[in-house]
Amino acid sequence: MTHFVEAKLAALLEHRSQLRSTMGIAEANAVEDDEHPEVLEFKRRVTDRLAENGRQGGFAAAEAFKRIDDL
């Protein structure tokens, strides 16, 4: 895993108010356990998405952005 992926996962897991609603992690203290099933599943979903985005550009992982013209 690249350093940017590790940093992204760590940053996302700091958003404790969104654990249940957007990450599927029911217990706030679960993020302290790297082997907790819900944390592992969340990390897998994120890394799978990054890998899929990366394949499109020939990279191991990449972010995808959507251009918004109408504000």
Protein backbone atom coordinates (compact mmCIF):
# COMPACT_ATOMS: atom_id res chain seq x y z
CA MET A 1 0.00 0.00 0.00
CA THR A 2 1.35 3.44 -0.87
CA HIS A 3 1.91 6.15 1.71
CA PHE A 4 -0.88 8.28 0.25
CA VAL A 5 -3.37 5.41 0.65
CA GLU A 6 -2.33 4.88 4.26
CA ALA A 7 -2.62 8.62 4.95
CA LYS A 8 -6.04 8.78 3.27
CA LEU A 9 -7.37 5.86 5.34
CA ALA A 10 -6.04 7.36 8.57
CA ALA A 11 -7.59 10.73 7.76
CA LEU A 12 -10.96 9.21 6.90
CA LEU A 13 -11.03 7.21 10.12
CA GLU A 14 -10.54 10.43 12.12
CA HIS A 15 -14.03 11.58 11.07
CA ARG A 16 -15.64 9.83 14.04
CA SER A 17 -19.05 11.45 13.49
CA GLN A 18 -19.34 9.67 10.14
CA LEU A 19 -18.26 6.19 11.21
CA ARG A 20 -21.74 4.70 11.36
CA SER A 21 -23.47 6.64 8.56
CA THR A 22 -20.87 6.56 5.78
CA MET A 23 -18.26 4.00 6.80
CA GLY A 24 -20.42 1.23 8.21
CA ILE A 25 -18.50 1.15 11.51
CA ALA A 26 -20.97 0.82 14.38
CA GLU A 27 -18.62 1.35 17.33
CA ALA A 28 -16.46 4.48 17.61
CA ASN A 29 -13.74 2.61 19.48
CA ALA A 30 -13.50 0.05 16.66
CA VAL A 31 -11.12 2.34 14.75
CA GLU A 32 -8.50 1.71 17.44
CA ASP A 33 -8.44 -1.97 16.38
CA ASP A 34 -6.83 -2.44 12.95
CA GLU A 35 -8.21 -5.99 12.87
CA HIS A 36 -11.84 -5.09 13.64
CA PRO A 37 -14.02 -6.60 10.84
CA GLU A 38 -15.90 -3.36 10.13
CA VAL A 39 -12.66 -1.36 9.95
CA LEU A 40 -11.09 -3.95 7.65
CA GLU A 41 -14.17 -3.90 5.39
CA PHE A 42 -14.13 -0.09 5.20
CA LYS A 43 -10.42 -0.07 4.33
CA ARG A 44 -11.00 -2.73 1.67
CA ARG A 45 -13.79 -0.69 0.05
CA VAL A 46 -11.61 2.43 -0.06
CA THR A 47 -8.53 0.65 -1.38
CA ASP A 48 -10.58 -1.22 -3.99
CA ARG A 49 -12.01 2.09 -5.24
CA LEU A 50 -8.55 3.68 -5.35
CA ALA A 51 -7.17 0.67 -7.25
CA GLU A 52 -10.04 0.80 -9.75
CA ASN A 53 -9.42 4.50 -10.34
CA GLY A 54 -5.70 3.85 -10.68
CA ARG A 55 -6.15 1.14 -13.31
CA GLN A 56 -7.88 3.64 -15.56
CA GLY A 57 -4.74 5.78 -15.61
CA GLY A 58 -2.12 3.04 -15.40
CA PHE A 59 -1.36 3.52 -11.69
CA ALA A 60 -1.60 1.31 -8.63
CA ALA A 61 -4.01 3.75 -6.97
CA ALA A 62 -5.55 7.12 -7.78
CA GLU A 63 -8.15 9.61 -6.64
CA ALA A 64 -11.10 10.41 -8.90
CA PHE A 65 -12.59 13.85 -9.08
CA LYS A 66 -15.77 15.10 -10.66
CA ARG A 67 -15.79 18.48 -12.33
CA ILE A 68 -18.76 20.62 -11.32
CA ASP A 69 -19.49 23.49 -13.68
CA ASP A 70 -22.87 24.63 -12.37
CA LEU A 71 -22.52 26.19 -8.96
